[in-house]
């Protein structure tokens, strides 16, 4: 059960309603996380910078690699919402998240994401070497910053106990608490 209730459009301020409308125009819906974040518009906008970095990295990495990086971070963090969200994206695009087929760059990014989520102090040298061989310093900074916002998104959803969106139920991954108790 959610720790913080979601904002409701009908009782929201005009500024919050504008953000709702913008999200629906861009994405066709507004997620439970975004509705929760909209209790504070600056917090909401900070997390929405994920999309800015995504758009910068998309021409470099592509949608699939970004989804894989995000899934690795989210799965490693046991974030039910984000893990389920990226499992949905990957599955709908033909991937089997239990048997991913990765090229060298995707494997590198997936390993980076897993390391970031489990122990960011222990990213192996071969990951850094692989990043340096493939990307500019600016691109590496953007990849790490993107991963940081993804990690922060996992943290927000987990700590705020944001309810899983209904559209994610068929792709539900079980978080640590459910794994430990089930």
N, C-alpha and C. Protein backbone atom coordinates (compact mmCIF):
# COMPACT_ATOMS: atom_id res chain seq x y z
N UNK A 1 0.83 -1.19 0.00
CA UNK A 1 0.00 0.00 0.00
C UNK A 1 0.87 1.24 0.00
N UNK A 2 0.48 2.23 -0.78
CA UNK A 2 1.28 3.44 -0.94
C UNK A 2 1.42 4.20 0.37
N UNK A 3 2.62 4.71 0.60
CA UNK A 3 2.89 5.53 1.77
C UNK A 3 2.30 6.93 1.58
N UNK A 4 2.37 7.43 0.35
CA UNK A 4 1.87 8.76 0.01
C UNK A 4 0.79 8.59 -1.04
N UNK A 5 -0.39 9.18 -0.84
CA UNK A 5 -1.44 9.04 -1.85
C UNK A 5 -1.07 9.80 -3.12
N UNK A 6 -1.63 9.36 -4.22
CA UNK A 6 -1.41 10.06 -5.48
C UNK A 6 -2.24 11.34 -5.52
N UNK A 7 -1.75 12.32 -6.24
CA UNK A 7 -2.53 13.54 -6.44
C UNK A 7 -3.73 13.21 -7.32
N UNK A 8 -4.77 13.97 -7.18
CA UNK A 8 -5.98 13.80 -7.97
C UNK A 8 -6.17 15.03 -8.85
N UNK A 9 -6.40 14.80 -10.11
CA UNK A 9 -6.53 15.88 -11.09
C UNK A 9 -7.59 16.90 -10.67
N UNK A 10 -8.75 16.43 -10.25
CA UNK A 10 -9.87 17.32 -9.94
C UNK A 10 -9.58 18.29 -8.81
N UNK A 11 -8.74 17.91 -7.88
CA UNK A 11 -8.44 18.78 -6.75
C UNK A 11 -7.04 19.41 -6.85
N UNK A 12 -6.39 19.23 -7.98
CA UNK A 12 -5.02 19.73 -8.16
C UNK A 12 -5.00 21.21 -8.53
N UNK A 13 -3.86 21.83 -8.26
CA UNK A 13 -3.66 23.23 -8.65
C UNK A 13 -3.55 23.32 -10.18
N UNK A 14 -3.72 24.52 -10.73
CA UNK A 14 -3.57 24.67 -12.18
C UNK A 14 -2.19 24.21 -12.68
N UNK A 15 -1.13 24.45 -11.90
CA UNK A 15 0.22 24.04 -12.30
C UNK A 15 0.31 22.52 -12.39
N UNK A 16 -0.23 21.82 -11.41
CA UNK A 16 -0.21 20.36 -11.40
C UNK A 16 -1.07 19.82 -12.54
N UNK A 17 -2.21 20.44 -12.78
CA UNK A 17 -3.07 20.03 -13.90
C UNK A 17 -2.35 20.17 -15.23
N UNK A 18 -1.56 21.23 -15.39
CA UNK A 18 -0.78 21.40 -16.64
C UNK A 18 0.20 20.24 -16.81
N UNK A 19 0.84 19.83 -15.71
CA UNK A 19 1.79 18.71 -15.79
C UNK A 19 1.05 17.41 -16.12
N UNK A 20 -0.08 17.18 -15.51
CA UNK A 20 -0.92 16.02 -15.84
C UNK A 20 -1.22 16.02 -17.33
N UNK A 21 -1.76 17.14 -17.81
CA UNK A 21 -2.16 17.24 -19.23
C UNK A 21 -0.97 17.00 -20.15
N UNK A 22 0.18 17.55 -19.78
CA UNK A 22 1.39 17.36 -20.59
C UNK A 22 1.79 15.89 -20.63
N UNK A 23 1.74 15.21 -19.50
CA UNK A 23 2.09 13.78 -19.46
C UNK A 23 1.14 12.95 -20.30
N UNK A 24 -0.14 13.25 -20.21
CA UNK A 24 -1.12 12.50 -20.99
C UNK A 24 -0.93 12.77 -22.48
N UNK A 25 -0.62 14.03 -22.84
CA UNK A 25 -0.37 14.35 -24.24
C UNK A 25 0.88 13.63 -24.76
N UNK A 26 1.92 13.53 -23.96
CA UNK A 26 3.18 12.89 -24.38
C UNK A 26 3.12 11.36 -24.34
N UNK A 27 2.46 10.81 -23.33
CA UNK A 27 2.56 9.38 -23.07
C UNK A 27 1.22 8.64 -23.07
N UNK A 28 0.13 9.36 -23.23
CA UNK A 28 -1.18 8.73 -23.27
C UNK A 28 -1.78 8.42 -21.91
N UNK A 29 -0.99 8.58 -20.86
CA UNK A 29 -1.44 8.33 -19.50
C UNK A 29 -0.43 8.96 -18.54
N UNK A 30 -0.76 8.96 -17.27
CA UNK A 30 0.17 9.43 -16.26
C UNK A 30 0.36 8.31 -15.25
N UNK A 31 1.59 8.00 -14.95
CA UNK A 31 1.89 6.87 -14.07
C UNK A 31 1.62 7.21 -12.61
N UNK A 32 1.52 6.17 -11.80
CA UNK A 32 1.33 6.35 -10.36
C UNK A 32 2.51 7.10 -9.74
N UNK A 33 3.72 6.82 -10.20
CA UNK A 33 4.89 7.53 -9.68
C UNK A 33 4.77 9.03 -9.95
N UNK A 34 4.41 9.38 -11.17
CA UNK A 34 4.31 10.80 -11.52
C UNK A 34 3.19 11.48 -10.75
N UNK A 35 2.08 10.78 -10.57
CA UNK A 35 0.97 11.35 -9.80
C UNK A 35 1.38 11.56 -8.34
N UNK A 36 2.24 10.71 -7.84
CA UNK A 36 2.74 10.86 -6.48
C UNK A 36 3.75 12.01 -6.41
N UNK A 37 4.66 12.06 -7.35
CA UNK A 37 5.66 13.14 -7.38
C UNK A 37 5.02 14.52 -7.52
N UNK A 38 3.86 14.58 -8.12
CA UNK A 38 3.23 15.89 -8.36
C UNK A 38 2.71 16.57 -7.09
N UNK A 39 2.94 15.97 -5.94
CA UNK A 39 2.70 16.71 -4.69
C UNK A 39 3.69 17.87 -4.59
N UNK A 40 4.81 17.75 -5.32
CA UNK A 40 5.81 18.81 -5.34
C UNK A 40 6.34 18.93 -6.76
N UNK A 41 5.96 20.00 -7.45
CA UNK A 41 6.29 20.15 -8.87
C UNK A 41 7.80 20.18 -9.12
N UNK A 42 8.62 20.89 -8.30
CA UNK A 42 10.07 20.84 -8.55
C UNK A 42 10.64 19.41 -8.45
N UNK A 43 10.13 18.62 -7.51
CA UNK A 43 10.59 17.22 -7.41
C UNK A 43 10.20 16.46 -8.67
N UNK A 44 8.96 16.64 -9.09
CA UNK A 44 8.48 16.02 -10.32
C UNK A 44 9.39 16.39 -11.50
N UNK A 45 9.68 17.68 -11.65
CA UNK A 45 10.50 18.14 -12.78
C UNK A 45 11.93 17.58 -12.70
N UNK A 46 12.47 17.44 -11.51
CA UNK A 46 13.81 16.87 -11.36
C UNK A 46 13.84 15.44 -11.90
N UNK A 47 12.84 14.66 -11.55
CA UNK A 47 12.80 13.27 -12.03
C UNK A 47 12.50 13.19 -13.52
N UNK A 48 11.81 14.17 -14.06
CA UNK A 48 11.49 14.16 -15.49
C UNK A 48 12.71 14.44 -16.36
N UNK A 49 13.81 14.86 -15.74
CA UNK A 49 15.06 15.04 -16.50
C UNK A 49 15.57 13.70 -17.04
N UNK A 50 15.06 12.60 -16.51
CA UNK A 50 15.36 11.28 -17.06
C UNK A 50 15.08 11.28 -18.56
N UNK A 51 13.97 11.89 -18.95
CA UNK A 51 13.59 11.93 -20.37
C UNK A 51 14.56 12.77 -21.19
N UNK A 52 15.07 13.84 -20.61
CA UNK A 52 16.05 14.68 -21.30
C UNK A 52 17.30 13.87 -21.63
N UNK A 53 17.80 13.14 -20.65
CA UNK A 53 19.00 12.32 -20.86
C UNK A 53 18.70 11.15 -21.79
N UNK A 54 17.53 10.56 -21.66
CA UNK A 54 17.10 9.48 -22.56
C UNK A 54 17.16 9.97 -24.01
N UNK A 55 16.60 11.15 -24.25
CA UNK A 55 16.58 11.70 -25.61
C UNK A 55 17.99 11.98 -26.14
N UNK A 56 18.91 12.36 -25.26
CA UNK A 56 20.30 12.58 -25.68
C UNK A 56 20.99 11.26 -26.00
N UNK A 57 20.69 10.23 -25.24
CA UNK A 57 21.36 8.94 -25.42
C UNK A 57 20.74 8.07 -26.51
N UNK A 58 19.49 8.30 -26.83
CA UNK A 58 18.79 7.46 -27.80
C UNK A 58 19.52 7.36 -29.14
N UNK A 59 20.02 8.46 -29.71
CA UNK A 59 20.74 8.32 -30.99
C UNK A 59 22.06 7.55 -30.85
N UNK A 60 22.62 7.54 -29.65
CA UNK A 60 23.91 6.88 -29.40
C UNK A 60 23.70 5.40 -29.08
N UNK A 61 22.74 5.09 -28.22
CA UNK A 61 22.56 3.73 -27.71
C UNK A 61 21.36 3.01 -28.32
N UNK A 62 20.31 3.75 -28.63
CA UNK A 62 19.07 3.14 -29.10
C UNK A 62 18.15 2.82 -27.94
N UNK A 63 16.87 2.65 -28.27
CA UNK A 63 15.84 2.38 -27.25
C UNK A 63 16.12 1.09 -26.48
N UNK A 64 16.50 0.03 -27.20
CA UNK A 64 16.66 -1.27 -26.53
C UNK A 64 17.78 -1.22 -25.49
N UNK A 65 18.91 -0.66 -25.86
CA UNK A 65 20.03 -0.60 -24.91
C UNK A 65 19.67 0.24 -23.69
N UNK A 66 18.94 1.33 -23.90
CA UNK A 66 18.52 2.15 -22.76
C UNK A 66 17.54 1.40 -21.87
N UNK A 67 16.65 0.64 -22.49
CA UNK A 67 15.72 -0.18 -21.70
C UNK A 67 16.46 -1.27 -20.94
N UNK A 68 17.46 -1.87 -21.56
CA UNK A 68 18.25 -2.90 -20.89
C UNK A 68 19.02 -2.34 -19.70
N UNK A 69 19.64 -1.17 -19.89
CA UNK A 69 20.35 -0.52 -18.79
C UNK A 69 19.39 -0.21 -17.65
N UNK A 70 18.24 0.34 -17.99
CA UNK A 70 17.24 0.69 -16.98
C UNK A 70 16.69 -0.55 -16.29
N UNK A 71 16.46 -1.60 -17.05
CA UNK A 71 15.96 -2.86 -16.47
C UNK A 71 16.99 -3.46 -15.52
N UNK A 72 18.26 -3.44 -15.90
CA UNK A 72 19.31 -3.99 -15.05
C UNK A 72 19.38 -3.25 -13.72
N UNK A 73 19.30 -1.93 -13.77
CA UNK A 73 19.33 -1.13 -12.54
C UNK A 73 18.10 -1.43 -11.70
N UNK A 74 16.94 -1.40 -12.32
CA UNK A 74 15.68 -1.58 -11.61
C UNK A 74 15.53 -2.99 -11.03
N UNK A 75 15.94 -3.97 -11.80
CA UNK A 75 15.87 -5.35 -11.33
C UNK A 75 16.86 -5.56 -10.18
N UNK A 76 18.05 -5.02 -10.33
CA UNK A 76 19.06 -5.14 -9.28
C UNK A 76 18.64 -4.44 -7.99
N UNK A 77 17.86 -3.37 -8.12
CA UNK A 77 17.36 -2.64 -6.95
C UNK A 77 16.05 -3.23 -6.41
N UNK A 78 15.56 -4.27 -7.05
CA UNK A 78 14.28 -4.86 -6.65
C UNK A 78 13.15 -3.83 -6.66
N UNK A 79 13.19 -2.92 -7.62
CA UNK A 79 12.13 -1.93 -7.75
C UNK A 79 11.00 -2.53 -8.58
N UNK A 80 9.90 -2.85 -7.91
CA UNK A 80 8.79 -3.51 -8.60
C UNK A 80 8.24 -2.67 -9.75
N UNK A 81 8.05 -1.38 -9.52
CA UNK A 81 7.45 -0.55 -10.56
C UNK A 81 8.38 -0.44 -11.76
N UNK A 82 9.61 0.00 -11.55
CA UNK A 82 10.52 0.21 -12.68
C UNK A 82 10.93 -1.11 -13.33
N UNK A 83 11.18 -2.13 -12.52
CA UNK A 83 11.52 -3.43 -13.10
C UNK A 83 10.39 -3.96 -13.97
N UNK A 84 9.16 -3.83 -13.47
CA UNK A 84 7.99 -4.28 -14.23
C UNK A 84 7.79 -3.43 -15.49
N UNK A 85 8.02 -2.12 -15.35
CA UNK A 85 7.88 -1.21 -16.49
C UNK A 85 8.82 -1.59 -17.63
N UNK A 86 10.09 -1.82 -17.30
CA UNK A 86 11.06 -2.15 -18.35
C UNK A 86 10.92 -3.59 -18.83
N UNK A 87 10.44 -4.47 -17.96
CA UNK A 87 10.12 -5.83 -18.42
C UNK A 87 9.01 -5.75 -19.45
N UNK A 88 8.02 -4.90 -19.23
CA UNK A 88 6.91 -4.71 -20.18
C UNK A 88 7.45 -4.23 -21.52
N UNK A 89 8.28 -3.21 -21.48
CA UNK A 89 8.84 -2.66 -22.73
C UNK A 89 9.64 -3.73 -23.47
N UNK A 90 10.53 -4.40 -22.77
CA UNK A 90 11.36 -5.42 -23.42
C UNK A 90 10.52 -6.57 -23.97
N UNK A 91 9.58 -7.04 -23.17
CA UNK A 91 8.72 -8.15 -23.60
C UNK A 91 7.88 -7.76 -24.81
N UNK A 92 7.30 -6.59 -24.79
CA UNK A 92 6.47 -6.13 -25.91
C UNK A 92 7.29 -5.93 -27.19
N UNK A 93 8.60 -5.79 -27.04
CA UNK A 93 9.48 -5.65 -28.20
C UNK A 93 10.17 -6.96 -28.57
N UNK A 94 9.66 -8.07 -28.00
CA UNK A 94 10.13 -9.39 -28.42
C UNK A 94 11.22 -10.02 -27.57
N UNK A 95 11.63 -9.40 -26.49
CA UNK A 95 12.67 -9.97 -25.64
C UNK A 95 12.07 -10.88 -24.58
N UNK A 96 12.85 -11.87 -24.19
CA UNK A 96 12.52 -12.72 -23.05
C UNK A 96 13.47 -12.30 -21.93
N UNK A 97 12.95 -11.64 -20.91
CA UNK A 97 13.82 -11.11 -19.85
C UNK A 97 14.50 -12.20 -19.03
N UNK A 98 14.05 -13.44 -19.19
CA UNK A 98 14.73 -14.55 -18.52
C UNK A 98 15.85 -15.14 -19.37
N UNK A 99 15.93 -14.71 -20.62
CA UNK A 99 16.94 -15.22 -21.55
C UNK A 99 17.29 -14.13 -22.56
N UNK A 100 17.89 -13.05 -22.07
CA UNK A 100 18.22 -11.93 -22.94
C UNK A 100 19.37 -12.27 -23.88
N UNK A 101 19.24 -11.87 -25.11
CA UNK A 101 20.30 -12.01 -26.11
C UNK A 101 20.91 -10.62 -26.31
N UNK A 102 22.14 -10.46 -25.85
CA UNK A 102 22.77 -9.15 -25.83
C UNK A 102 23.99 -9.12 -26.72
N UNK A 103 24.17 -7.99 -27.44
CA UNK A 103 25.43 -7.80 -28.15
C UNK A 103 26.46 -7.27 -27.14
N UNK A 104 27.68 -7.02 -27.58
CA UNK A 104 28.75 -6.63 -26.65
C UNK A 104 28.44 -5.33 -25.92
N UNK A 105 27.94 -4.34 -26.64
CA UNK A 105 27.63 -3.06 -26.01
C UNK A 105 26.48 -3.20 -25.03
N UNK A 106 25.44 -3.94 -25.40
CA UNK A 106 24.31 -4.16 -24.50
C UNK A 106 24.75 -4.92 -23.25
N UNK A 107 25.60 -5.91 -23.42
CA UNK A 107 26.12 -6.67 -22.28
C UNK A 107 26.91 -5.75 -21.35
N UNK A 108 27.70 -4.86 -21.92
CA UNK A 108 28.47 -3.90 -21.13
C UNK A 108 27.53 -2.99 -20.33
N UNK A 109 26.51 -2.46 -20.98
CA UNK A 109 25.56 -1.57 -20.31
C UNK A 109 24.74 -2.32 -19.27
N UNK A 110 24.37 -3.55 -19.56
CA UNK A 110 23.61 -4.37 -18.61
C UNK A 110 24.47 -4.66 -17.37
N UNK A 111 25.73 -4.96 -17.59
CA UNK A 111 26.65 -5.20 -16.47
C UNK A 111 26.83 -3.93 -15.66
N UNK A 112 26.99 -2.80 -16.33
CA UNK A 112 27.11 -1.52 -15.63
C UNK A 112 25.88 -1.29 -14.76
N UNK A 113 24.70 -1.46 -15.34
CA UNK A 113 23.47 -1.26 -14.58
C UNK A 113 23.36 -2.17 -13.38
N UNK A 114 23.72 -3.42 -13.56
CA UNK A 114 23.68 -4.38 -12.45
C UNK A 114 24.66 -3.97 -11.35
N UNK A 115 25.87 -3.59 -11.75
CA UNK A 115 26.88 -3.17 -10.77
C UNK A 115 26.43 -1.92 -10.01
N UNK A 116 25.86 -0.96 -10.74
CA UNK A 116 25.39 0.27 -10.10
C UNK A 116 24.34 -0.06 -9.04
N UNK A 117 23.46 -0.98 -9.35
CA UNK A 117 22.36 -1.28 -8.42
C UNK A 117 22.81 -2.13 -7.24
N UNK A 118 23.80 -2.96 -7.41
CA UNK A 118 24.21 -3.87 -6.34
C UNK A 118 25.33 -3.27 -5.49
N UNK A 119 26.37 -2.76 -6.14
CA UNK A 119 27.49 -2.14 -5.41
C UNK A 119 28.22 -1.19 -6.34
N UNK A 120 27.84 0.09 -6.34
CA UNK A 120 28.47 1.04 -7.25
C UNK A 120 29.96 1.26 -6.98
N UNK A 121 30.44 0.79 -5.84
CA UNK A 121 31.87 0.90 -5.53
C UNK A 121 32.68 -0.20 -6.22
N UNK A 122 32.01 -1.15 -6.82
CA UNK A 122 32.69 -2.32 -7.36
C UNK A 122 32.39 -2.54 -8.85
N UNK A 123 32.41 -1.46 -9.62
CA UNK A 123 32.27 -1.60 -11.07
C UNK A 123 33.62 -2.08 -11.60
N UNK A 124 33.67 -3.22 -12.28
CA UNK A 124 34.95 -3.77 -12.74
C UNK A 124 35.65 -2.87 -13.77
N UNK A 125 36.97 -2.96 -13.77
CA UNK A 125 37.76 -2.17 -14.72
C UNK A 125 37.37 -2.45 -16.16
N UNK A 126 37.01 -3.70 -16.48
CA UNK A 126 36.67 -4.01 -17.87
C UNK A 126 35.42 -3.25 -18.33
N UNK A 127 34.55 -2.90 -17.39
CA UNK A 127 33.36 -2.10 -17.76
C UNK A 127 33.81 -0.69 -18.12
N UNK A 128 34.66 -0.10 -17.28
CA UNK A 128 35.19 1.23 -17.58
C UNK A 128 35.96 1.22 -18.89
N UNK A 129 36.79 0.20 -19.09
CA UNK A 129 37.56 0.11 -20.33
C UNK A 129 36.63 -0.01 -21.54
N UNK A 130 35.58 -0.80 -21.42
CA UNK A 130 34.62 -0.97 -22.50
C UNK A 130 33.89 0.32 -22.82
N UNK A 131 33.51 1.06 -21.78
CA UNK A 131 32.86 2.36 -22.00
C UNK A 131 33.81 3.32 -22.73
N UNK A 132 35.06 3.38 -22.25
CA UNK A 132 36.05 4.28 -22.87
C UNK A 132 36.31 3.92 -24.33
N UNK A 133 36.27 2.64 -24.65
CA UNK A 133 36.53 2.19 -26.02
C UNK A 133 35.38 2.54 -26.96
N UNK A 134 34.18 2.70 -26.43
CA UNK A 134 32.99 2.88 -27.27
C UNK A 134 32.42 4.29 -27.28
N UNK A 135 32.67 5.05 -26.21
CA UNK A 135 31.97 6.31 -26.05
C UNK A 135 32.92 7.44 -25.70
N UNK A 136 32.50 8.68 -25.99
CA UNK A 136 33.25 9.86 -25.60
C UNK A 136 33.05 10.10 -24.11
N UNK A 137 33.90 10.95 -23.54
CA UNK A 137 33.73 11.29 -22.13
C UNK A 137 32.36 11.91 -21.88
N UNK A 138 31.89 12.76 -22.78
CA UNK A 138 30.58 13.38 -22.64
C UNK A 138 29.47 12.32 -22.63
N UNK A 139 29.59 11.35 -23.52
CA UNK A 139 28.58 10.28 -23.56
C UNK A 139 28.61 9.43 -22.30
N UNK A 140 29.82 9.15 -21.79
CA UNK A 140 29.94 8.36 -20.56
C UNK A 140 29.31 9.11 -19.38
N UNK A 141 29.56 10.41 -19.31
CA UNK A 141 28.95 11.21 -18.24
C UNK A 141 27.43 11.14 -18.35
N UNK A 142 26.91 11.24 -19.56
CA UNK A 142 25.46 11.19 -19.76
C UNK A 142 24.91 9.81 -19.39
N UNK A 143 25.62 8.76 -19.75
CA UNK A 143 25.19 7.40 -19.39
C UNK A 143 25.14 7.24 -17.87
N UNK A 144 26.18 7.69 -17.18
CA UNK A 144 26.22 7.56 -15.72
C UNK A 144 25.15 8.44 -15.07
N UNK A 145 24.95 9.65 -15.58
CA UNK A 145 23.91 10.53 -15.03
C UNK A 145 22.52 9.93 -15.25
N UNK A 146 22.29 9.38 -16.44
CA UNK A 146 21.03 8.71 -16.74
C UNK A 146 20.81 7.56 -15.77
N UNK A 147 21.85 6.77 -15.56
CA UNK A 147 21.76 5.64 -14.62
C UNK A 147 21.47 6.15 -13.21
N UNK A 148 22.05 7.27 -12.85
CA UNK A 148 21.80 7.85 -11.53
C UNK A 148 20.36 8.26 -11.34
N UNK A 149 19.76 8.87 -12.35
CA UNK A 149 18.34 9.24 -12.24
C UNK A 149 17.48 7.98 -12.21
N UNK A 150 17.87 6.97 -12.97
CA UNK A 150 17.12 5.70 -12.94
C UNK A 150 17.18 5.11 -11.53
N UNK A 151 18.35 5.12 -10.93
CA UNK A 151 18.53 4.62 -9.56
C UNK A 151 17.66 5.42 -8.59
N UNK A 152 17.68 6.76 -8.75
CA UNK A 152 16.88 7.62 -7.88
C UNK A 152 15.39 7.34 -8.05
N UNK A 153 14.98 7.06 -9.28
CA UNK A 153 13.57 6.72 -9.54
C UNK A 153 13.19 5.45 -8.81
N UNK A 154 14.08 4.46 -8.85
CA UNK A 154 13.85 3.22 -8.10
C UNK A 154 13.71 3.52 -6.62
N UNK A 155 14.60 4.34 -6.12
CA UNK A 155 14.59 4.69 -4.70
C UNK A 155 13.29 5.37 -4.31
N UNK A 156 12.86 6.34 -5.11
CA UNK A 156 11.61 7.04 -4.80
C UNK A 156 10.43 6.06 -4.77
N UNK A 157 10.29 5.25 -5.80
CA UNK A 157 9.17 4.31 -5.87
C UNK A 157 9.18 3.33 -4.70
N UNK A 158 10.34 2.87 -4.32
CA UNK A 158 10.45 1.89 -3.24
C UNK A 158 10.17 2.52 -1.89
N UNK A 159 10.81 3.65 -1.60
CA UNK A 159 10.64 4.29 -0.30
C UNK A 159 9.23 4.86 -0.13
N UNK A 160 8.68 5.45 -1.18
CA UNK A 160 7.32 6.01 -1.11
C UNK A 160 6.25 4.92 -1.23
N UNK A 161 6.68 3.70 -1.52
CA UNK A 161 5.77 2.56 -1.66
C UNK A 161 4.67 2.85 -2.68
N UNK A 162 5.09 3.42 -3.80
CA UNK A 162 4.14 3.75 -4.86
C UNK A 162 3.50 2.46 -5.36
N UNK A 163 2.18 2.49 -5.51
CA UNK A 163 1.45 1.32 -5.99
C UNK A 163 1.81 1.00 -7.43
N UNK A 164 1.88 -0.28 -7.73
CA UNK A 164 2.16 -0.74 -9.09
C UNK A 164 1.01 -0.32 -10.01
N UNK A 165 1.35 0.25 -11.15
CA UNK A 165 0.35 0.64 -12.14
C UNK A 165 -0.36 -0.60 -12.66
N UNK A 166 -1.64 -0.46 -12.89
CA UNK A 166 -2.45 -1.59 -13.35
C UNK A 166 -1.92 -2.17 -14.66
N UNK A 167 -1.44 -1.32 -15.58
CA UNK A 167 -0.94 -1.82 -16.87
C UNK A 167 0.30 -2.68 -16.72
N UNK A 168 0.94 -2.62 -15.55
CA UNK A 168 2.16 -3.40 -15.32
C UNK A 168 1.89 -4.76 -14.67
N UNK A 169 0.68 -4.99 -14.24
CA UNK A 169 0.38 -6.24 -13.54
C UNK A 169 0.78 -7.50 -14.31
N UNK A 170 0.54 -7.58 -15.63
CA UNK A 170 0.96 -8.79 -16.35
C UNK A 170 2.49 -8.97 -16.43
N UNK A 171 3.25 -7.92 -16.10
CA UNK A 171 4.72 -7.96 -16.21
C UNK A 171 5.38 -7.84 -14.83
N UNK A 172 4.59 -8.01 -13.80
CA UNK A 172 5.03 -7.79 -12.43
C UNK A 172 6.26 -8.61 -12.06
N UNK A 173 7.29 -7.92 -11.63
CA UNK A 173 8.42 -8.59 -11.00
C UNK A 173 8.21 -8.42 -9.50
N UNK A 174 8.63 -9.35 -8.73
CA UNK A 174 8.42 -9.28 -7.30
C UNK A 174 9.63 -8.66 -6.64
N UNK A 175 9.40 -7.63 -5.84
CA UNK A 175 10.47 -6.95 -5.13
C UNK A 175 11.02 -7.80 -4.01
N UNK A 176 12.06 -7.31 -3.38
CA UNK A 176 12.77 -8.03 -2.33
C UNK A 176 11.86 -8.48 -1.20
N UNK A 177 10.98 -7.60 -0.74
CA UNK A 177 10.11 -7.95 0.39
C UNK A 177 9.23 -9.16 0.05
N UNK A 178 8.65 -9.16 -1.16
CA UNK A 178 7.80 -10.29 -1.55
C UNK A 178 8.64 -11.55 -1.77
N UNK A 179 9.86 -11.39 -2.32
CA UNK A 179 10.73 -12.55 -2.53
C UNK A 179 11.11 -13.18 -1.19
N UNK A 180 11.42 -12.31 -0.21
CA UNK A 180 11.82 -12.81 1.11
C UNK A 180 10.67 -13.49 1.84
N UNK A 181 9.45 -13.00 1.64
CA UNK A 181 8.27 -13.55 2.35
C UNK A 181 7.55 -14.63 1.56
N UNK A 182 7.85 -14.75 0.29
CA UNK A 182 7.07 -15.67 -0.53
C UNK A 182 7.83 -16.83 -0.96
